[in-house]
Amino acid sequence: MMIAGIVAVCIVLAVLAFFVPRLSRHPERGTQRTLGAGSRVGGKAPGVLGRLFSKPFRSSSKAVGNSGSAGRRARGRMPF
């Protein structure tokens, strides 16, 4: 369920970044802030569990950043 949600958010951010690059930064940062909070809370678990609980949030945050930058990069490559 969480994977489908992250994929949907990445697609929406990529499309938003392609059509309105400046306005896409605020939702991207908000999503990364939320995922960062989840990563911090998951990291408070002791030992190996902390790393295991925080990893999905870290990789999701990285994916959100990459999809936003890919949309802006594709917009920059358009000939018009």
Protein backbone atom coordinates (compact mmCIF):
# COMPACT_ATOMS: atom_id res chain seq x y z
CA MET A 1 0.00 0.00 0.00
CA MET A 2 2.77 2.40 0.90
CA ILE A 3 4.66 1.55 -2.28
CA ALA A 4 1.64 2.39 -4.42
CA GLY A 5 1.24 5.70 -2.59
CA ILE A 6 4.87 6.67 -3.12
CA VAL A 7 4.67 5.73 -6.81
CA ALA A 8 1.54 7.87 -7.20
CA VAL A 9 3.20 10.82 -5.45
CA CYS A 10 6.28 10.49 -7.66
CA ILE A 11 4.18 10.47 -10.82
CA VAL A 12 2.16 13.48 -9.72
CA LEU A 13 5.32 15.40 -8.79
CA ALA A 14 7.02 14.56 -12.10
CA VAL A 15 4.01 15.77 -14.08
CA LEU A 16 3.70 18.88 -11.92
CA ALA A 17 7.42 19.60 -12.30
CA PHE A 18 7.13 19.25 -16.06
CA PHE A 19 4.21 21.65 -16.45
CA VAL A 20 4.91 24.19 -13.67
CA PRO A 21 8.54 23.78 -12.51
CA ARG A 22 8.57 26.61 -9.99
CA LEU A 23 5.34 25.59 -8.31
CA SER A 24 6.47 21.97 -7.99
CA ARG A 25 9.18 22.68 -5.43
CA HIS A 26 6.83 23.38 -2.53
CA PRO A 27 4.91 20.06 -2.74
CA GLU A 28 8.20 18.23 -3.27
CA ARG A 29 9.74 19.73 -0.15
CA GLY A 30 6.57 19.07 1.85
CA THR A 31 6.61 15.43 0.83
CA GLN A 32 10.29 15.11 1.65
CA ARG A 33 9.71 16.77 5.02
CA THR A 34 6.96 14.28 5.84
CA LEU A 35 9.07 11.31 4.77
CA GLY A 36 12.01 12.70 6.74
CA ALA A 37 9.87 12.81 9.87
CA GLY A 38 8.93 9.16 9.33
CA SER A 39 12.58 8.28 8.87
CA ARG A 40 13.55 10.05 12.08
CA VAL A 41 10.81 8.32 14.06
CA GLY A 42 11.71 4.94 12.59
CA GLY A 43 15.37 5.53 13.35
CA LYS A 44 14.64 5.85 17.05
CA ALA A 45 14.05 2.12 17.31
CA PRO A 46 16.99 0.34 18.93
CA GLY A 47 19.84 -1.14 16.93
CA VAL A 48 19.27 -2.82 13.61
CA LEU A 49 15.51 -2.24 13.83
CA GLY A 50 16.09 1.51 13.63
CA ARG A 51 17.91 1.17 10.34
CA LEU A 52 15.30 -1.23 8.99
CA PHE A 53 12.37 1.00 9.96
CA SER A 54 13.91 4.20 8.59
CA LYS A 55 15.18 2.80 5.27
CA PRO A 56 11.84 2.82 3.38
CA PHE A 57 11.34 6.47 4.26
CA ARG A 58 14.85 7.43 3.16
CA SER A 59 14.58 5.65 -0.18
CA SER A 60 11.11 7.10 -0.76
CA SER A 61 12.39 10.60 -0.07
CA LYS A 62 15.20 10.02 -2.55
CA ALA A 63 12.70 8.80 -5.16
CA VAL A 64 10.50 11.89 -4.67
CA GLY A 65 13.49 14.17 -5.19
CA ASN A 66 14.59 12.29 -8.29
CA SER A 67 11.14 12.37 -9.87
CA GLY A 68 10.78 16.12 -9.33
CA SER A 69 14.19 16.86 -10.75
CA ALA A 70 13.54 14.55 -13.71
CA GLY A 71 10.37 16.46 -14.57
CA ARG A 72 12.16 19.80 -14.40
CA ARG A 73 15.09 18.41 -16.42
CA ALA A 74 12.73 17.11 -19.12
CA ARG A 75 11.03 20.50 -19.28
CA GLY A 76 14.40 22.17 -19.76
CA ARG A 77 15.20 19.91 -22.70
CA MET A 78 12.05 20.77 -24.62
CA PRO A 79 12.74 22.79 -27.79
CA PHE A 80 10.12 25.48 -27.05
